[in-house]
C-alpha atoms as a PDB file:
ATOM      1  CA  MET A   1       0.000   0.000   0.000  1.00  0.00           C
ATOM      2  CA  GLU A   2       1.304   3.434  -0.929  1.00  0.00           C
ATOM      3  CA  LYS A   3       2.060   5.837   1.881  1.00  0.00           C
ATOM      4  CA  GLU A   4      -0.698   8.460   2.292  1.00  0.00           C
ATOM      5  CA  ILE A   5       0.999  11.150   4.400  1.00  0.00           C
ATOM      6  CA  LEU A   6       4.140  12.429   2.716  1.00  0.00           C
ATOM      7  CA  ASN A   7       7.036  14.578   3.876  1.00  0.00           C
ATOM      8  CA  LEU A   8       8.689  17.229   1.701  1.00  0.00           C
ATOM      9  CA  ASP A   9      11.124  14.822   0.041  1.00  0.00           C
ATOM     10  CA  GLU A  10       8.376  12.315  -0.769  1.00  0.00           C
ATOM     11  CA  ALA A  11       6.044  14.997  -2.142  1.00  0.00           C
ATOM     12  CA  SER A  12       8.886  16.342  -4.290  1.00  0.00           C
ATOM     13  CA  ALA A  13       9.416  12.857  -5.711  1.00  0.00           C
ATOM     14  CA  LEU A  14       5.690  12.646  -6.526  1.00  0.00           C
ATOM     15  CA  PHE A  15       5.914  15.963  -8.412  1.00  0.00           C
ATOM     16  CA  GLN A  16       9.256  14.937  -9.942  1.00  0.00           C
ATOM     17  CA  VAL A  17      10.892  18.211  -8.902  1.00  0.00           C
ATOM     18  CA  SER A  18      13.566  19.132  -6.357  1.00  0.00           C
ATOM     19  CA  THR A  19      12.575  20.020  -2.800  1.00  0.00           C
ATOM     20  CA  LYS A  20      13.599  23.642  -3.390  1.00  0.00           C
ATOM     21  CA  THR A  21      11.346  23.816  -6.444  1.00  0.00           C
ATOM     22  CA  LEU A  22       8.440  22.397  -4.444  1.00  0.00           C
ATOM     23  CA  LEU A  23       9.034  24.972  -1.708  1.00  0.00           C
ATOM     24  CA  LYS A  24       8.827  27.686  -4.359  1.00  0.00           C
ATOM     25  CA  MET A  25       5.619  26.140  -5.673  1.00  0.00           C
ATOM     26  CA  LEU A  26       4.199  26.287  -2.149  1.00  0.00           C
ATOM     27  CA  ARG A  27       4.781  30.051  -2.128  1.00  0.00           C
ATOM     28  CA  GLU A  28       3.193  30.638  -5.536  1.00  0.00           C
ATOM     29  CA  GLU A  29       0.415  28.028  -5.685  1.00  0.00           C
ATOM     30  CA  ALA A  30      -2.463  26.832  -3.499  1.00  0.00           C
ATOM     31  CA  ILE A  31      -0.967  23.382  -2.990  1.00  0.00           C
ATOM     32  CA  PRO A  32      -2.804  21.322  -0.354  1.00  0.00           C
ATOM     33  CA  ALA A  33      -0.281  21.081   2.476  1.00  0.00           C
ATOM     34  CA  ARG A  34       0.068  21.558   6.216  1.00  0.00           C
ATOM     35  CA  LYS A  35       3.035  22.863   8.147  1.00  0.00           C
ATOM     36  CA  ILE A  36       3.498  21.197  11.504  1.00  0.00           C
ATOM     37  CA  GLY A  37       6.193  23.075  13.366  1.00  0.00           C
ATOM     38  CA  ARG A  38       8.966  23.410  10.789  1.00  0.00           C
ATOM     39  CA  GLU A  39       7.967  20.354   8.771  1.00  0.00           C
ATOM     40  CA  TRP A  40       5.628  20.164   5.756  1.00  0.00           C
ATOM     41  CA  ARG A  41       3.115  17.323   5.482  1.00  0.00           C
ATOM     42  CA  PHE A  42       1.127  16.381   2.377  1.00  0.00           C
ATOM     43  CA  SER A  43      -1.754  14.041   1.610  1.00  0.00           C
ATOM     44  CA  ARG A  44      -0.954  11.895  -1.436  1.00  0.00           C
ATOM     45  CA  THR A  45      -4.670  11.749  -2.334  1.00  0.00           C
ATOM     46  CA  ALA A  46      -5.081  15.534  -2.058  1.00  0.00           C
ATOM     47  CA  LEU A  47      -1.951  16.183  -4.119  1.00  0.00           C
ATOM     48  CA  LEU A  48      -3.018  13.823  -6.902  1.00  0.00           C
ATOM     49  CA  HIS A  49      -6.495  15.396  -6.936  1.00  0.00           C
ATOM     50  CA  TRP A  50      -4.977  18.885  -7.101  1.00  0.00           C
ATOM     51  CA  MET A  51      -2.763  17.898 -10.030  1.00  0.00           C
ATOM     52  CA  ALA A  52      -5.486  15.996 -11.910  1.00  0.00           C
ATOM     53  CA  ASN A  53      -8.050  18.788 -11.657  1.00  0.00           C
ATOM     54  CA  GLY A  54      -5.678  21.541 -12.731  1.00  0.00           C
ATOM     55  CA  ASN A  55      -6.435  23.686  -9.687  1.00  0.00           C
ATOM     56  CA  SER A  56      -3.288  25.583 -10.554  1.00  0.00           C
ATOM     57  CA  MET A  57      -0.166  24.488 -12.375  1.00  0.00           C
ATOM     58  CA  ASP A  58       0.143  20.992 -13.714  1.00  0.00           C
ATOM     59  CA  TYR A  59       3.789  21.671 -14.495  1.00  0.00           C
ATOM     60  CA  THR A  60       4.035  19.147 -17.301  1.00  0.00           C
ATOM     61  CA  SER A  61       1.162  20.655 -19.281  1.00  0.00           C
ATOM     62  CA  ALA A  62       2.295  24.167 -18.356  1.00  0.00           C
ATOM     63  CA  GLU A  63       5.670  23.486 -19.960  1.00  0.00           C
ATOM     64  CA  GLU A  64       3.938  22.220 -23.108  1.00  0.00           C
ATOM     65  CA  GLU A  65       1.823  25.383 -23.214  1.00  0.00           C
ATOM     66  CA  ASN A  66       5.032  27.367 -22.847  1.00  0.00           C
ATOM     67  CA  LYS A  67       6.520  25.604 -25.887  1.00  0.00           C
ATOM     68  CA  ALA A  68       3.320  26.191 -27.879  1.00  0.00           C
ATOM     69  CA  TYR A  69       3.440  29.885 -26.999  1.00  0.00           C
ATOM     70  CA  PHE A  70       6.991  30.293 -28.284  1.00  0.00           C
ATOM     71  CA  ALA A  71       6.199  28.359 -31.444  1.00  0.00           C
ATOM     72  CA  GLN A  72       3.391  30.853 -32.088  1.00  0.00           C
ATOM     73  CA  VAL A  73       5.364  34.041 -31.398  1.00  0.00           C
ATOM     74  CA  ALA A  74       8.684  32.950 -32.952  1.00  0.00           C
ATOM     75  CA  PRO A  75       8.253  34.966 -36.209  1.00  0.00           C
ATOM     76  CA  VAL A  76       7.701  38.219 -34.269  1.00  0.00           C
ATOM     77  CA  TYR A  77       9.703  37.435 -31.141  1.00  0.00           C
ATOM     78  CA  ASP A  78      12.611  39.747 -31.941  1.00  0.00           C
ATOM     79  CA  GLU A  79      10.240  42.707 -32.233  1.00  0.00           C
ATOM     80  CA  MET A  80       8.581  41.701 -28.959  1.00  0.00           C
ATOM     81  CA  ARG A  81      11.983  41.419 -27.305  1.00  0.00           C
ATOM     82  CA  LYS A  82      12.997  44.915 -28.358  1.00  0.00           C
ATOM     83  CA  GLY A  83      10.001  46.248 -26.477  1.00  0.00           C
ATOM     84  CA  CYS A  84      10.957  44.237 -23.409  1.00  0.00           C
ATOM     85  CA  TYR A  85      14.676  44.971 -23.014  1.00  0.00           C
ATOM     86  CA  GLY A  86      16.394  45.840 -26.314  1.00  0.00           C
ATOM     87  CA  ASN A  87      20.084  45.225 -27.000  1.00  0.00           C
ATOM     88  CA  ALA A  88      21.371  47.048 -23.921  1.00  0.00           C
ATOM     89  CA  LEU A  89      20.853  43.977 -21.752  1.00  0.00           C
ATOM     90  CA  ARG A  90      23.014  41.771 -23.984  1.00  0.00           C
ATOM     91  CA  ASP A  91      25.796  44.349 -24.029  1.00  0.00           C
ATOM     92  CA  LEU A  92      25.666  44.710 -20.260  1.00  0.00           C
ATOM     93  CA  ILE A  93      25.819  40.937 -19.640  1.00  0.00           C
ATOM     94  CA  ILE A  94      28.771  40.409 -21.976  1.00  0.00           C
ATOM     95  CA  GLN A  95      30.601  43.488 -20.712  1.00  0.00           C
ATOM     96  CA  ARG A  96      30.255  42.409 -17.080  1.00  0.00           C
ATOM     97  CA  TYR A  97      31.153  38.751 -17.734  1.00  0.00           C
ATOM     98  CA  PRO A  98      33.121  38.629 -21.001  1.00  0.00           C
ATOM     99  CA  PRO A  99      34.166  35.284 -22.494  1.00  0.00           C
ATOM    100  CA  MET A 100      37.779  34.521 -23.314  1.00  0.00           C
ATOM    101  CA  PRO A 101      38.777  34.856 -26.989  1.00  0.00           C
ATOM    102  CA  GLY A 102      38.740  31.470 -28.707  1.00  0.00           C
ATOM    103  CA  SER A 103      36.726  29.825 -25.945  1.00  0.00           C
ATOM    104  CA  ASN A 104      33.785  27.428 -26.210  1.00  0.00           C
ATOM    105  CA  VAL A 105      30.589  28.822 -24.717  1.00  0.00           C
ATOM    106  CA  ALA A 106      26.959  27.719 -24.490  1.00  0.00           C
ATOM    107  CA  ASP A 107      23.853  29.885 -24.667  1.00  0.00           C
ATOM    108  CA  ILE A 108      21.074  27.913 -22.970  1.00  0.00           C
ATOM    109  CA  GLY A 109      17.556  28.998 -23.901  1.00  0.00           C
ATOM    110  CA  THR A 110      18.902  30.959 -26.853  1.00  0.00           C
ATOM    111  CA  GLY A 111      15.465  31.627 -28.376  1.00  0.00           C
ATOM    112  CA  THR A 112      16.067  33.474 -31.636  1.00  0.00           C
ATOM    113  CA  GLY A 113      19.791  33.748 -30.915  1.00  0.00           C
ATOM    114  CA  TYR A 114      19.787  37.152 -29.214  1.00  0.00           C
ATOM    115  CA  LEU A 115      22.683  36.448 -26.858  1.00  0.00           C
ATOM    116  CA  ALA A 116      24.475  34.023 -29.179  1.00  0.00           C
ATOM    117  CA  ARG A 117      24.816  36.749 -31.835  1.00  0.00           C
ATOM    118  CA  GLY A 118      26.553  38.998 -29.329  1.00  0.00           C
ATOM    119  CA  LEU A 119      28.866  36.238 -28.136  1.00  0.00           C
ATOM    120  CA  ALA A 120      29.883  34.894 -31.557  1.00  0.00           C
ATOM    121  CA  PRO A 121      32.474  37.577 -32.507  1.00  0.00           C
ATOM    122  CA  ARG A 122      34.182  37.214 -29.124  1.00  0.00           C
ATOM    123  CA  VAL A 123      34.673  33.427 -28.917  1.00  0.00           C
ATOM    124  CA  GLY A 124      35.755  30.389 -30.915  1.00  0.00           C
ATOM    125  CA  HIS A 125      32.449  28.532 -30.857  1.00  0.00           C
ATOM    126  CA  VAL A 126      28.927  28.982 -29.460  1.00  0.00           C
ATOM    127  CA  VAL A 127      26.498  26.127 -28.975  1.00  0.00           C
ATOM    128  CA  ALA A 128      23.034  27.681 -28.753  1.00  0.00           C
ATOM    129  CA  ILE A 129      20.374  25.423 -27.242  1.00  0.00           C
ATOM    130  CA  ASP A 130      16.616  25.842 -27.123  1.00  0.00           C
ATOM    131  CA  SER A 131      13.610  23.547 -26.775  1.00  0.00           C
ATOM    132  CA  SER A 132      11.601  25.394 -29.454  1.00  0.00           C
ATOM    133  CA  THR A 133      12.101  24.289 -33.049  1.00  0.00           C
ATOM    134  CA  ALA A 134      10.341  27.398 -34.332  1.00  0.00           C
ATOM    135  CA  MET A 135      12.609  29.758 -32.378  1.00  0.00           C
ATOM    136  CA  LEU A 136      15.716  27.945 -33.604  1.00  0.00           C
ATOM    137  CA  GLU A 137      14.517  28.226 -37.219  1.00  0.00           C
ATOM    138  CA  VAL A 138      14.289  32.012 -36.824  1.00  0.00           C
ATOM    139  CA  ALA A 139      17.705  32.049 -35.148  1.00  0.00           C
ATOM    140  CA  GLY A 140      19.207  30.068 -38.026  1.00  0.00           C
ATOM    141  CA  MET A 141      17.876  32.488 -40.644  1.00  0.00           C
ATOM    142  CA  ASP A 142      19.103  35.535 -38.719  1.00  0.00           C
ATOM    143  CA  LEU A 143      22.559  34.063 -38.163  1.00  0.00           C
ATOM    144  CA  ALA A 144      22.874  33.110 -41.829  1.00  0.00           C
ATOM    145  CA  GLN A 145      21.835  36.580 -42.960  1.00  0.00           C
ATOM    146  CA  GLY A 146      24.434  38.071 -40.628  1.00  0.00           C
ATOM    147  CA  GLY A 147      27.184  35.779 -41.908  1.00  0.00           C
ATOM    148  CA  VAL A 148      27.707  34.193 -38.472  1.00  0.00           C
ATOM    149  CA  ASP A 149      29.290  30.769 -38.925  1.00  0.00           C
ATOM    150  CA  ASN A 150      30.540  29.796 -35.457  1.00  0.00           C
ATOM    151  CA  VAL A 151      27.164  29.259 -33.772  1.00  0.00           C
ATOM    152  CA  HIS A 152      25.820  25.701 -33.654  1.00  0.00           C
ATOM    153  CA  LEU A 153      22.059  25.565 -33.022  1.00  0.00           C
ATOM    154  CA  VAL A 154      20.817  22.543 -31.077  1.00  0.00           C
ATOM    155  CA  GLU A 155      17.304  21.593 -30.023  1.00  0.00           C
ATOM    156  CA  GLY A 156      17.432  20.366 -26.453  1.00  0.00           C
ATOM    157  CA  ASP A 157      16.099  20.460 -22.922  1.00  0.00           C
ATOM    158  CA  ALA A 158      17.845  22.586 -20.298  1.00  0.00           C
ATOM    159  CA  HIS A 159      17.040  19.897 -17.721  1.00  0.00           C
ATOM    160  CA  GLU A 160      19.108  17.383 -19.715  1.00  0.00           C
ATOM    161  CA  LEU A 161      21.625  19.291 -21.794  1.00  0.00           C
ATOM    162  CA  PRO A 162      22.866  17.599 -25.001  1.00  0.00           C
ATOM    163  CA  LEU A 163      26.461  18.461 -24.122  1.00  0.00           C
ATOM    164  CA  ASP A 164      29.427  16.437 -22.882  1.00  0.00           C
ATOM    165  CA  ASP A 165      30.758  16.714 -19.351  1.00  0.00           C
ATOM    166  CA  ASN A 166      33.431  19.404 -18.839  1.00  0.00           C
ATOM    167  CA  SER A 167      33.042  20.699 -22.403  1.00  0.00           C
ATOM    168  CA  GLN A 168      32.250  24.419 -22.024  1.00  0.00           C
ATOM    169  CA  ASP A 169      34.366  27.342 -20.831  1.00  0.00           C
ATOM    170  CA  MET A 170      31.339  29.512 -20.032  1.00  0.00           C
ATOM    171  CA  ILE A 171      27.566  29.127 -19.983  1.00  0.00           C
ATOM    172  CA  TYR A 172      25.050  31.933 -20.383  1.00  0.00           C
ATOM    173  CA  ALA A 173      21.307  31.689 -19.771  1.00  0.00           C
ATOM    174  CA  ASN A 174      19.238  34.830 -20.250  1.00  0.00           C
ATOM    175  CA  LEU A 175      15.596  34.872 -19.111  1.00  0.00           C
ATOM    176  CA  LEU A 176      15.491  31.079 -19.109  1.00  0.00           C
ATOM    177  CA  LEU A 177      14.910  29.992 -15.523  1.00  0.00           C
ATOM    178  CA  HIS A 178      11.364  31.334 -15.182  1.00  0.00           C
ATOM    179  CA  HIS A 179      10.324  29.104 -18.102  1.00  0.00           C
ATOM    180  CA  LEU A 180      11.693  25.876 -16.560  1.00  0.00           C
ATOM    181  CA  THR A 181       9.845  23.261 -14.549  1.00  0.00           C
ATOM    182  CA  ASP A 182      12.836  22.682 -12.260  1.00  0.00           C
ATOM    183  CA  PRO A 183      15.491  25.431 -12.379  1.00  0.00           C
ATOM    184  CA  LEU A 184      17.775  23.655  -9.899  1.00  0.00           C
ATOM    185  CA  THR A 185      18.041  20.607 -12.158  1.00  0.00           C
ATOM    186  CA  ALA A 186      19.018  22.885 -15.056  1.00  0.00           C
ATOM    187  CA  ILE A 187      21.653  24.640 -12.946  1.00  0.00           C
ATOM    188  CA  ARG A 188      23.107  21.271 -11.976  1.00  0.00           C
ATOM    189  CA  GLU A 189      23.296  20.389 -15.669  1.00  0.00           C
ATOM    190  CA  MET A 190      25.176  23.623 -16.336  1.00  0.00           C
ATOM    191  CA  ASN A 191      27.685  22.637 -13.670  1.00  0.00           C
ATOM    192  CA  ARG A 192      28.092  19.209 -15.272  1.00  0.00           C
ATOM    193  CA  VAL A 193      28.971  20.520 -18.731  1.00  0.00           C
ATOM    194  CA  LEU A 194      31.271  23.335 -17.571  1.00  0.00           C
ATOM    195  CA  LYS A 195      34.993  22.766 -17.446  1.00  0.00           C
ATOM    196  CA  PRO A 196      36.589  23.046 -13.984  1.00  0.00           C
ATOM    197  CA  GLY A 197      37.014  26.761 -13.331  1.00  0.00           C
ATOM    198  CA  GLY A 198      34.357  27.595 -15.917  1.00  0.00           C
ATOM    199  CA  ARG A 199      31.736  30.243 -15.207  1.00  0.00           C
ATOM    200  CA  VAL A 200      27.951  30.311 -15.451  1.00  0.00           C
ATOM    201  CA  VAL A 201      26.103  33.592 -16.028  1.00  0.00           C
ATOM    202  CA  LEU A 202      22.366  33.791 -15.340  1.00  0.00           C
ATOM    203  CA  SER A 203      20.065  36.753 -15.927  1.00  0.00           C
ATOM    204  CA  ASP A 204      16.356  36.747 -15.135  1.00  0.00           C
ATOM    205  CA  VAL A 205      13.552  38.670 -13.480  1.00  0.00           C
ATOM    206  CA  LYS A 206      13.293  39.236  -9.764  1.00  0.00           C
ATOM    207  CA  GLN A 207      10.379  37.952  -7.714  1.00  0.00           C
ATOM    208  CA  HIS A 208       7.198  39.887  -8.554  1.00  0.00           C
ATOM    209  CA  ARG A 209       3.422  39.741  -8.015  1.00  0.00           C
ATOM    210  CA  HIS A 210       2.139  40.014 -11.610  1.00  0.00           C
ATOM    211  CA  ARG A 211       0.371  36.672 -11.742  1.00  0.00           C
ATOM    212  CA  TRP A 212      -1.043  37.313 -15.220  1.00  0.00           C
ATOM    213  CA  VAL A 213       2.361  36.474 -16.744  1.00  0.00           C
ATOM    214  CA  LYS A 214       1.536  32.833 -16.012  1.00  0.00           C
ATOM    215  CA  GLU A 215      -1.741  32.916 -17.908  1.00  0.00           C
ATOM    216  CA  GLU A 216      -0.803  35.306 -20.729  1.00  0.00           C
ATOM    217  CA  LYS A 217       2.953  34.763 -21.197  1.00  0.00           C
ATOM    218  CA  PHE A 218       3.003  31.147 -19.972  1.00  0.00           C
ATOM    219  CA  ASP A 219       5.784  31.851 -17.476  1.00  0.00           C
ATOM    220  CA  LEU A 220       6.172  29.020 -14.976  1.00  0.00           C
ATOM    221  CA  TRP A 221       7.588  31.225 -12.207  1.00  0.00           C
ATOM    222  CA  MET A 222       6.957  34.790 -11.098  1.00  0.00           C
ATOM    223  CA  GLY A 223      10.640  35.607 -10.875  1.00  0.00           C
ATOM    224  CA  PHE A 224      13.196  34.687  -8.219  1.00  0.00           C
ATOM    225  CA  GLU A 225      14.653  36.017  -5.003  1.00  0.00           C
ATOM    226  CA  ALA A 226      18.409  36.536  -4.826  1.00  0.00           C
ATOM    227  CA  GLN A 227      18.635  34.146  -1.874  1.00  0.00           C
ATOM    228  CA  GLU A 228      17.128  31.217  -3.747  1.00  0.00           C
ATOM    229  CA  ILE A 229      19.422  31.765  -6.745  1.00  0.00           C
ATOM    230  CA  GLN A 230      22.367  31.821  -4.336  1.00  0.00           C
ATOM    231  CA  GLU A 231      21.172  28.596  -2.691  1.00  0.00           C
ATOM    232  CA  TRP A 232      20.589  26.829  -6.014  1.00  0.00           C
ATOM    233  CA  LEU A 233      24.066  27.712  -7.268  1.00  0.00           C
ATOM    234  CA  ASP A 234      25.600  26.582  -3.972  1.00  0.00           C
ATOM    235  CA  GLU A 235      23.649  23.310  -4.029  1.00  0.00           C
ATOM    236  CA  ALA A 236      24.666  22.657  -7.648  1.00  0.00           C
ATOM    237  CA  GLY A 237      28.325  22.784  -6.585  1.00  0.00           C
ATOM    238  CA  PHE A 238      29.375  26.271  -7.662  1.00  0.00           C
ATOM    239  CA  ASP A 239      31.787  28.632  -5.880  1.00  0.00           C
ATOM    240  CA  ALA A 240      32.279  32.400  -5.897  1.00  0.00           C
ATOM    241  CA  VAL A 241      28.548  33.073  -6.281  1.00  0.00           C
ATOM    242  CA  GLU A 242      27.462  36.625  -7.077  1.00  0.00           C
ATOM    243  CA  VAL A 243      23.861  37.833  -7.420  1.00  0.00           C
ATOM    244  CA  ASN A 244      23.416  41.513  -8.251  1.00  0.00           C
ATOM    245  CA  ASP A 245      21.009  43.934  -9.900  1.00  0.00           C
ATOM    246  CA  VAL A 246      21.353  44.106 -13.669  1.00  0.00           C
ATOM    247  CA  GLY A 247      20.523  47.791 -13.697  1.00  0.00           C
ATOM    248  CA  CYS A 248      17.677  47.429 -16.170  1.00  0.00           C
ATOM    249  CA  HIS A 249      14.127  46.084 -16.294  1.00  0.00           C
ATOM    250  CA  CYS A 250      12.084  43.675 -18.371  1.00  0.00           C
ATOM    251  CA  ARG A 251       9.050  45.544 -19.723  1.00  0.00           C
ATOM    252  CA  THR A 252       5.916  43.551 -20.506  1.00  0.00           C
ATOM    253  CA  SER A 253       2.224  44.229 -21.047  1.00  0.00           C
ATOM    254  CA  ASN A 254      -0.955  42.279 -20.420  1.00  0.00           C
ATOM    255  CA  LYS A 255      -4.116  41.988 -22.511  1.00  0.00           C
ATOM    256  CA  ALA A 256      -5.777  44.738 -20.486  1.00  0.00           C
ATOM    257  CA  GLY A 257      -3.118  47.180 -21.668  1.00  0.00           C
ATOM    258  CA  MET A 258      -1.205  47.463 -18.384  1.00  0.00           C
ATOM    259  CA  THR A 259       2.572  47.726 -18.825  1.00  0.00           C
ATOM    260  CA  VAL A 260       4.935  46.831 -16.008  1.00  0.00           C
ATOM    261  CA  GLU A 261       8.699  47.005 -15.653  1.00  0.00           C
ATOM    262  CA  ILE A 262      10.069  44.067 -13.681  1.00  0.00           C
ATOM    263  CA  PRO A 263      13.578  44.459 -12.188  1.00  0.00           C
ATOM    264  CA  MET A 264      16.188  41.921 -13.256  1.00  0.00           C
ATOM    265  CA  PHE A 265      19.152  40.250 -11.574  1.00  0.00           C
ATOM    266  CA  LEU A 266      22.475  39.044 -12.922  1.00  0.00           C
ATOM    267  CA  ALA A 267      24.084  36.055 -11.222  1.00  0.00           C
ATOM    268  CA  SER A 268      27.425  34.378 -11.803  1.00  0.00           C
ATOM    269  CA  ALA A 269      29.346  31.527 -10.237  1.00  0.00           C
ATOM    270  CA  GLN A 270      32.412  29.392 -10.924  1.00  0.00           C
ATOM    271  CA  LYS A 271      32.666  25.618 -11.137  1.00  0.00           C
ATOM    272  CA  GLN A 272      34.999  24.156  -8.553  1.00  0.00           C
END
C-alpha cells in the first residue's frame, strides 16, 4: 500500500521536482499542504487530486503550453523582445562577464539567438540550445543573414543538456529559468557541462506579483529572489557566487493594456 501522508522529500518525488522547487511552488500556488512546526506534510490523495483537476499548475502541461506559446510568437519574437529589453541587456551581460577569446561557450535557452549573436564575434564557438524548433529556425535564418558561422544551433532540454561533461568554458542563460519546470536541475546540468574553473552567467527577473504572466505569457515562475538563486548555485556545486542587480528592467504588457517594468538580476558563479 502506498504511503498516504508524505514529507517534503516524498512529495517532491511525486511531483518529480527538487525540494527547493516544491518549496517555491508552495509560495506561488495553493498546494494542499500543512506545516506542523517546521515540517511540511502532504496528503498523497489531495496532491493527486490537485494535479489531476488543474487547480493551478500541472507543471508538465504548463511546460507544453510554454513551448506552444513560443512556437506561435517565434516569427515576431525579436520585435517583442525589443520592447521588453532591447540590445542594452546583452551588451551589459557580456561586458560584465566577457568570455575569453577562442573559448567554447553555451547559450542555454537561446530563443532566436539574441545572446548568441553577441557572443559569436568574441569566442571560438557557441552552442546555442533551445527547446523550441520554431525559435531555432528564426535564429538560423538571422545568423545566416548576418554571416555568423561559429554558432551551432541545437534543439534540447535545459534539464538534460545535449552536451558532454566538462566541455564548455562559459555558460550563459538569459531569461530562461522562469520558463523551466525545475530550475535547480538545469543549474546542476550547467555545472556538469562546464569545465573546472568555468563560469555560469544567469540573468532573469526578480520575484514579482504580476500573476497574469503565467496565464498570458506562460511563465512558470513569477521571478526569483536573490537568496534562492544563491542557494541553487551553492547546491549545484558552484563557488564564488554573485547575485546583483542588472541595472535594467524587463518591460511587458498584459491583454488589459497594463505595462509593467520588472527588475532583473544578474548572477554568476564558478565551477569548482
